[in-house]
PDB file of N, CA and C in Angstrom:
ATOM      1  N   MET A   1     -14.352  -7.930  16.524  1.00  0.00           N
ATOM      2  CA  MET A   1     -13.339  -8.929  16.675  1.00  0.00           C
ATOM      3  C   MET A   1     -11.938  -8.296  16.603  1.00  0.00           C
ATOM      4  N   PHE A   2     -11.702  -7.421  15.603  1.00  0.00           N
ATOM      5  CA  PHE A   2     -10.408  -6.767  15.472  1.00  0.00           C
ATOM      6  C   PHE A   2     -10.492  -5.345  15.988  1.00  0.00           C
ATOM      7  N   ARG A   3      -9.438  -4.880  16.580  1.00  0.00           N
ATOM      8  CA  ARG A   3      -9.356  -3.493  17.027  1.00  0.00           C
ATOM      9  C   ARG A   3      -9.038  -2.602  15.837  1.00  0.00           C
ATOM     10  N   LEU A   4      -9.362  -1.333  15.943  1.00  0.00           N
ATOM     11  CA  LEU A   4      -9.169  -0.388  14.849  1.00  0.00           C
ATOM     12  C   LEU A   4      -7.717  -0.270  14.400  1.00  0.00           C
ATOM     13  N   PRO A   5      -6.713  -0.157  15.297  1.00  0.00           N
ATOM     14  CA  PRO A   5      -5.329  -0.073  14.808  1.00  0.00           C
ATOM     15  C   PRO A   5      -4.897  -1.326  14.038  1.00  0.00           C
ATOM     16  N   PHE A   6      -5.364  -2.483  14.476  1.00  0.00           N
ATOM     17  CA  PHE A   6      -5.027  -3.718  13.773  1.00  0.00           C
ATOM     18  C   PHE A   6      -5.669  -3.735  12.393  1.00  0.00           C
ATOM     19  N   ALA A   7      -6.927  -3.348  12.317  1.00  0.00           N
ATOM     20  CA  ALA A   7      -7.634  -3.323  11.040  1.00  0.00           C
ATOM     21  C   ALA A   7      -7.067  -2.260  10.103  1.00  0.00           C
ATOM     22  N   ALA A   8      -6.534  -1.175  10.652  1.00  0.00           N
ATOM     23  CA  ALA A   8      -5.958  -0.110   9.830  1.00  0.00           C
ATOM     24  C   ALA A   8      -4.560  -0.455   9.343  1.00  0.00           C
ATOM     25  N   GLY A   9      -3.955  -1.506   9.881  1.00  0.00           N
ATOM     26  CA  GLY A   9      -2.629  -1.914   9.445  1.00  0.00           C
ATOM     27  C   GLY A   9      -1.499  -1.208  10.162  1.00  0.00           C
ATOM     28  N   SER A  10      -1.786  -0.593  11.291  1.00  0.00           N
ATOM     29  CA  SER A  10      -0.734   0.133  12.005  1.00  0.00           C
ATOM     30  C   SER A  10      -0.107  -0.678  13.135  1.00  0.00           C
ATOM     31  N   VAL A  11      -0.410  -1.968  13.207  1.00  0.00           N
ATOM     32  CA  VAL A  11       0.159  -2.843  14.224  1.00  0.00           C
ATOM     33  C   VAL A  11       1.371  -3.560  13.633  1.00  0.00           C
ATOM     34  N   PHE A  12       2.456  -3.588  14.392  1.00  0.00           N
ATOM     35  CA  PHE A  12       3.679  -4.255  13.936  1.00  0.00           C
ATOM     36  C   PHE A  12       4.057  -5.324  14.951  1.00  0.00           C
ATOM     37  N   SER A  13       4.400  -6.474  14.458  1.00  0.00           N
ATOM     38  CA  SER A  13       4.772  -7.588  15.316  1.00  0.00           C
ATOM     39  C   SER A  13       6.245  -7.927  15.106  1.00  0.00           C
ATOM     40  N   ALA A  14       6.961  -8.130  16.205  1.00  0.00           N
ATOM     41  CA  ALA A  14       8.378  -8.494  16.104  1.00  0.00           C
ATOM     42  C   ALA A  14       8.552  -9.870  15.478  1.00  0.00           C
ATOM     43  N   SER A  15       7.630 -10.779  15.734  1.00  0.00           N
ATOM     44  CA  SER A  15       7.740 -12.104  15.119  1.00  0.00           C
ATOM     45  C   SER A  15       7.526 -12.019  13.607  1.00  0.00           C
ATOM     46  N   MET A  16       6.755 -11.025  13.160  1.00  0.00           N
ATOM     47  CA  MET A  16       6.573 -10.820  11.734  1.00  0.00           C
ATOM     48  C   MET A  16       7.896 -10.403  11.084  1.00  0.00           C
ATOM     49  N   LEU A  17       8.660  -9.570  11.771  1.00  0.00           N
ATOM     50  CA  LEU A  17       9.964  -9.147  11.268  1.00  0.00           C
ATOM     51  C   LEU A  17      10.931 -10.325  11.213  1.00  0.00           C
ATOM     52  N   ASP A  18      10.928 -11.172  12.243  1.00  0.00           N
ATOM     53  CA  ASP A  18      11.783 -12.356  12.248  1.00  0.00           C
ATOM     54  C   ASP A  18      11.464 -13.268  11.066  1.00  0.00           C
ATOM     55  N   THR A  19      10.189 -13.487  10.830  1.00  0.00           N
ATOM     56  CA  THR A  19       9.768 -14.340   9.722  1.00  0.00           C
ATOM     57  C   THR A  19      10.177 -13.730   8.385  1.00  0.00           C
ATOM     58  N   LEU A  20       9.996 -12.418   8.253  1.00  0.00           N
ATOM     59  CA  LEU A  20      10.356 -11.742   7.011  1.00  0.00           C
ATOM     60  C   LEU A  20      11.858 -11.793   6.754  1.00  0.00           C
ATOM     61  N   LEU A  21      12.652 -11.614   7.796  1.00  0.00           N
ATOM     62  CA  LEU A  21      14.100 -11.683   7.638  1.00  0.00           C
ATOM     63  C   LEU A  21      14.557 -13.084   7.230  1.00  0.00           C
ATOM     64  N   TYR A  22      13.972 -14.103   7.845  1.00  0.00           N
ATOM     65  CA  TYR A  22      14.331 -15.472   7.478  1.00  0.00           C
ATOM     66  C   TYR A  22      13.929 -15.762   6.034  1.00  0.00           C
ATOM     67  N   GLN A  23      12.721 -15.375   5.654  1.00  0.00           N
ATOM     68  CA  GLN A  23      12.256 -15.627   4.295  1.00  0.00           C
ATOM     69  C   GLN A  23      13.099 -14.871   3.269  1.00  0.00           C
ATOM     70  N   ALA A  24      13.553 -13.661   3.620  1.00  0.00           N
ATOM     71  CA  ALA A  24      14.408 -12.890   2.710  1.00  0.00           C
ATOM     72  C   ALA A  24      15.762 -13.564   2.545  1.00  0.00           C
ATOM     73  N   PHE A  25      16.222 -14.250   3.566  1.00  0.00           N
ATOM     74  CA  PHE A  25      17.487 -14.974   3.471  1.00  0.00           C
ATOM     75  C   PHE A  25      17.349 -16.200   2.574  1.00  0.00           C
ATOM     76  N   VAL A  26      16.223 -16.888   2.669  1.00  0.00           N
ATOM     77  CA  VAL A  26      16.001 -18.118   1.915  1.00  0.00           C
ATOM     78  C   VAL A  26      15.552 -17.833   0.481  1.00  0.00           C
ATOM     79  N   LYS A  27      14.663 -16.845   0.310  1.00  0.00           N
ATOM     80  CA  LYS A  27      14.090 -16.532  -1.009  1.00  0.00           C
ATOM     81  C   LYS A  27      14.617 -15.179  -1.464  1.00  0.00           C
ATOM     82  N   ASP A  28      15.484 -15.182  -2.455  1.00  0.00           N
ATOM     83  CA  ASP A  28      16.138 -13.952  -2.866  1.00  0.00           C
ATOM     84  C   ASP A  28      15.202 -12.959  -3.554  1.00  0.00           C
ATOM     85  N   TYR A  29      14.049 -13.404  -4.046  1.00  0.00           N
ATOM     86  CA  TYR A  29      13.108 -12.495  -4.697  1.00  0.00           C
ATOM     87  C   TYR A  29      12.244 -11.718  -3.707  1.00  0.00           C
ATOM     88  N   LEU A  30      12.260 -12.087  -2.441  1.00  0.00           N
ATOM     89  CA  LEU A  30      11.347 -11.492  -1.469  1.00  0.00           C
ATOM     90  C   LEU A  30      11.630 -10.017  -1.222  1.00  0.00           C
ATOM     91  N   ILE A  31      12.885  -9.606  -1.249  1.00  0.00           N
ATOM     92  CA  ILE A  31      13.213  -8.198  -1.019  1.00  0.00           C
ATOM     93  C   ILE A  31      12.622  -7.335  -2.125  1.00  0.00           C
ATOM     94  N   THR A  32      12.746  -7.783  -3.368  1.00  0.00           N
ATOM     95  CA  THR A  32      12.144  -7.053  -4.485  1.00  0.00           C
ATOM     96  C   THR A  32      10.638  -7.001  -4.358  1.00  0.00           C
ATOM     97  N   PHE A  33      10.030  -8.108  -3.946  1.00  0.00           N
ATOM     98  CA  PHE A  33       8.577  -8.167  -3.786  1.00  0.00           C
ATOM     99  C   PHE A  33       8.090  -7.203  -2.708  1.00  0.00           C
ATOM    100  N   VAL A  34       8.763  -7.168  -1.575  1.00  0.00           N
ATOM    101  CA  VAL A  34       8.376  -6.262  -0.489  1.00  0.00           C
ATOM    102  C   VAL A  34       8.561  -4.809  -0.915  1.00  0.00           C
ATOM    103  N   ARG A  35       9.624  -4.521  -1.636  1.00  0.00           N
ATOM    104  CA  ARG A  35       9.836  -3.153  -2.129  1.00  0.00           C
ATOM    105  C   ARG A  35       8.724  -2.729  -3.082  1.00  0.00           C
ATOM    106  N   LEU A  36       8.239  -3.670  -3.899  1.00  0.00           N
ATOM    107  CA  LEU A  36       7.114  -3.370  -4.784  1.00  0.00           C
ATOM    108  C   LEU A  36       5.834  -3.131  -3.995  1.00  0.00           C
ATOM    109  N   LEU A  37       5.613  -3.939  -2.952  1.00  0.00           N
ATOM    110  CA  LEU A  37       4.416  -3.770  -2.121  1.00  0.00           C
ATOM    111  C   LEU A  37       4.410  -2.431  -1.387  1.00  0.00           C
ATOM    112  N   LEU A  38       5.585  -2.008  -0.927  1.00  0.00           N
ATOM    113  CA  LEU A  38       5.686  -0.749  -0.194  1.00  0.00           C
ATOM    114  C   LEU A  38       5.675   0.471  -1.108  1.00  0.00           C
ATOM    115  N   GLY A  39       5.846   0.265  -2.400  1.00  0.00           N
ATOM    116  CA  GLY A  39       5.865   1.380  -3.332  1.00  0.00           C
ATOM    117  C   GLY A  39       7.223   2.020  -3.479  1.00  0.00           C
ATOM    118  N   VAL A  40       8.272   1.365  -2.992  1.00  0.00           N
ATOM    119  CA  VAL A  40       9.621   1.907  -3.104  1.00  0.00           C
ATOM    120  C   VAL A  40      10.129   1.758  -4.536  1.00  0.00           C
ATOM    121  N   ASP A  41       9.837   0.625  -5.166  1.00  0.00           N
ATOM    122  CA  ASP A  41      10.248   0.362  -6.544  1.00  0.00           C
ATOM    123  C   ASP A  41       9.020   0.253  -7.428  1.00  0.00           C
ATOM    124  N   GLN A  42       9.271   0.256  -8.735  1.00  0.00           N
ATOM    125  CA  GLN A  42       8.204   0.088  -9.703  1.00  0.00           C
ATOM    126  C   GLN A  42       8.637  -0.944 -10.721  1.00  0.00           C
ATOM    127  N   ALA A  43       7.787  -1.917 -10.976  1.00  0.00           N
ATOM    128  CA  ALA A  43       8.098  -2.950 -11.952  1.00  0.00           C
ATOM    129  C   ALA A  43       7.835  -2.420 -13.361  1.00  0.00           C
ATOM    130  N   PRO A  44       8.613  -2.860 -14.341  1.00  0.00           N
ATOM    131  CA  PRO A  44       8.371  -2.420 -15.721  1.00  0.00           C
ATOM    132  C   PRO A  44       6.973  -2.813 -16.187  1.00  0.00           C
ATOM    133  N   GLY A  45       6.259  -1.863 -16.740  1.00  0.00           N
ATOM    134  CA  GLY A  45       4.909  -2.123 -17.247  1.00  0.00           C
ATOM    135  C   GLY A  45       3.838  -2.164 -16.180  1.00  0.00           C
ATOM    136  N   SER A  46       4.138  -1.753 -14.955  1.00  0.00           N
ATOM    137  CA  SER A  46       3.143  -1.839 -13.888  1.00  0.00           C
ATOM    138  C   SER A  46       2.252  -0.611 -13.807  1.00  0.00           C
ATOM    139  N   GLY A  47       2.512   0.398 -14.602  1.00  0.00           N
ATOM    140  CA  GLY A  47       1.696   1.600 -14.556  1.00  0.00           C
ATOM    141  C   GLY A  47       2.233   2.579 -13.536  1.00  0.00           C
ATOM    142  N   PHE A  48       1.431   3.550 -13.178  1.00  0.00           N
ATOM    143  CA  PHE A  48       1.850   4.559 -12.223  1.00  0.00           C
ATOM    144  C   PHE A  48       0.631   5.097 -11.494  1.00  0.00           C
ATOM    145  N   LEU A  49       0.850   5.716 -10.358  1.00  0.00           N
ATOM    146  CA  LEU A  49      -0.224   6.331  -9.594  1.00  0.00           C
ATOM    147  C   LEU A  49      -0.376   7.781 -10.019  1.00  0.00           C
ATOM    148  N   THR A  50      -1.584   8.229 -10.072  1.00  0.00           N
ATOM    149  CA  THR A  50      -1.842   9.615 -10.444  1.00  0.00           C
ATOM    150  C   THR A  50      -3.096  10.090  -9.725  1.00  0.00           C
ATOM    151  N   SER A  51      -3.296  11.371  -9.717  1.00  0.00           N
ATOM    152  CA  SER A  51      -4.521  11.927  -9.130  1.00  0.00           C
ATOM    153  C   SER A  51      -5.103  12.935 -10.102  1.00  0.00           C
ATOM    154  N   VAL A  52      -6.408  12.995 -10.130  1.00  0.00           N
ATOM    155  CA  VAL A  52      -7.124  13.913 -11.011  1.00  0.00           C
ATOM    156  C   VAL A  52      -8.122  14.664 -10.151  1.00  0.00           C
ATOM    157  N   SER A  53      -8.146  15.969 -10.292  1.00  0.00           N
ATOM    158  CA  SER A  53      -9.108  16.759  -9.515  1.00  0.00           C
ATOM    159  C   SER A  53     -10.267  17.184 -10.414  1.00  0.00           C
ATOM    160  N   PHE A  54     -11.453  17.156  -9.845  1.00  0.00           N
ATOM    161  CA  PHE A  54     -12.661  17.564 -10.542  1.00  0.00           C
ATOM    162  C   PHE A  54     -13.296  18.695  -9.765  1.00  0.00           C
ATOM    163  N   SER A  55     -13.933  19.588 -10.459  1.00  0.00           N
ATOM    164  CA  SER A  55     -14.648  20.664  -9.782  1.00  0.00           C
ATOM    165  C   SER A  55     -16.027  20.812 -10.411  1.00  0.00           C
ATOM    166  N   CYS A  56     -16.987  21.220  -9.600  1.00  0.00           N
ATOM    167  CA  CYS A  56     -18.360  21.436 -10.068  1.00  0.00           C
ATOM    168  C   CYS A  56     -18.541  22.904 -10.440  1.00  0.00           C
ATOM    169  N   HIS A  57     -19.198  23.120 -11.560  1.00  0.00           N
ATOM    170  CA  HIS A  57     -19.472  24.485 -11.996  1.00  0.00           C
ATOM    171  C   HIS A  57     -20.970  24.726 -12.102  1.00  0.00           C
ATOM    172  N   TYR A  58     -21.764  23.864 -11.500  1.00  0.00           N
ATOM    173  CA  TYR A  58     -23.211  24.002 -11.551  1.00  0.00           C
ATOM    174  C   TYR A  58     -23.707  24.549 -10.231  1.00  0.00           C
ATOM    175  N   GLU A  59     -24.638  25.500 -10.297  1.00  0.00           N
ATOM    176  CA  GLU A  59     -25.160  26.106  -9.073  1.00  0.00           C
ATOM    177  C   GLU A  59     -26.296  25.285  -8.483  1.00  0.00           C
ATOM    178  N   LEU A  60     -26.975  24.479  -9.275  1.00  0.00           N
ATOM    179  CA  LEU A  60     -28.115  23.704  -8.781  1.00  0.00           C
ATOM    180  C   LEU A  60     -27.686  22.380  -8.162  1.00  0.00           C
ATOM    181  N   VAL A  61     -26.504  21.941  -8.403  1.00  0.00           N
ATOM    182  CA  VAL A  61     -26.024  20.673  -7.884  1.00  0.00           C
ATOM    183  C   VAL A  61     -25.442  20.903  -6.494  1.00  0.00           C
ATOM    184  N   SER A  62     -25.950  20.156  -5.513  1.00  0.00           N
ATOM    185  CA  SER A  62     -25.479  20.350  -4.151  1.00  0.00           C
ATOM    186  C   SER A  62     -24.310  19.422  -3.805  1.00  0.00           C
ATOM    187  N   VAL A  63     -24.196  18.320  -4.522  1.00  0.00           N
ATOM    188  CA  VAL A  63     -23.107  17.366  -4.241  1.00  0.00           C
ATOM    189  C   VAL A  63     -22.296  17.190  -5.518  1.00  0.00           C
ATOM    190  N   CYS A  64     -21.002  17.325  -5.403  1.00  0.00           N
ATOM    191  CA  CYS A  64     -20.100  17.146  -6.537  1.00  0.00           C
ATOM    192  C   CYS A  64     -19.486  15.761  -6.458  1.00  0.00           C
ATOM    193  N   LEU A  65     -19.649  14.961  -7.470  1.00  0.00           N
ATOM    194  CA  LEU A  65     -19.069  13.624  -7.498  1.00  0.00           C
ATOM    195  C   LEU A  65     -17.777  13.618  -8.235  1.00  0.00           C
TER     196      LEU A  65
END
């Protein structure tokens, strides 16, 4: 039903931008909300992103989880 670019979120619609601009004009909190969604800002107490690497040191294990 959906094409791969649409499902991956790489499709942009001009009408979506128009709607977002109008909503940002009417609702003053929307700019902060969008910035939080995009990862530009961080809300107090929201945590943080991190990455942890693991390595296997066993010779008998063929797959490392």
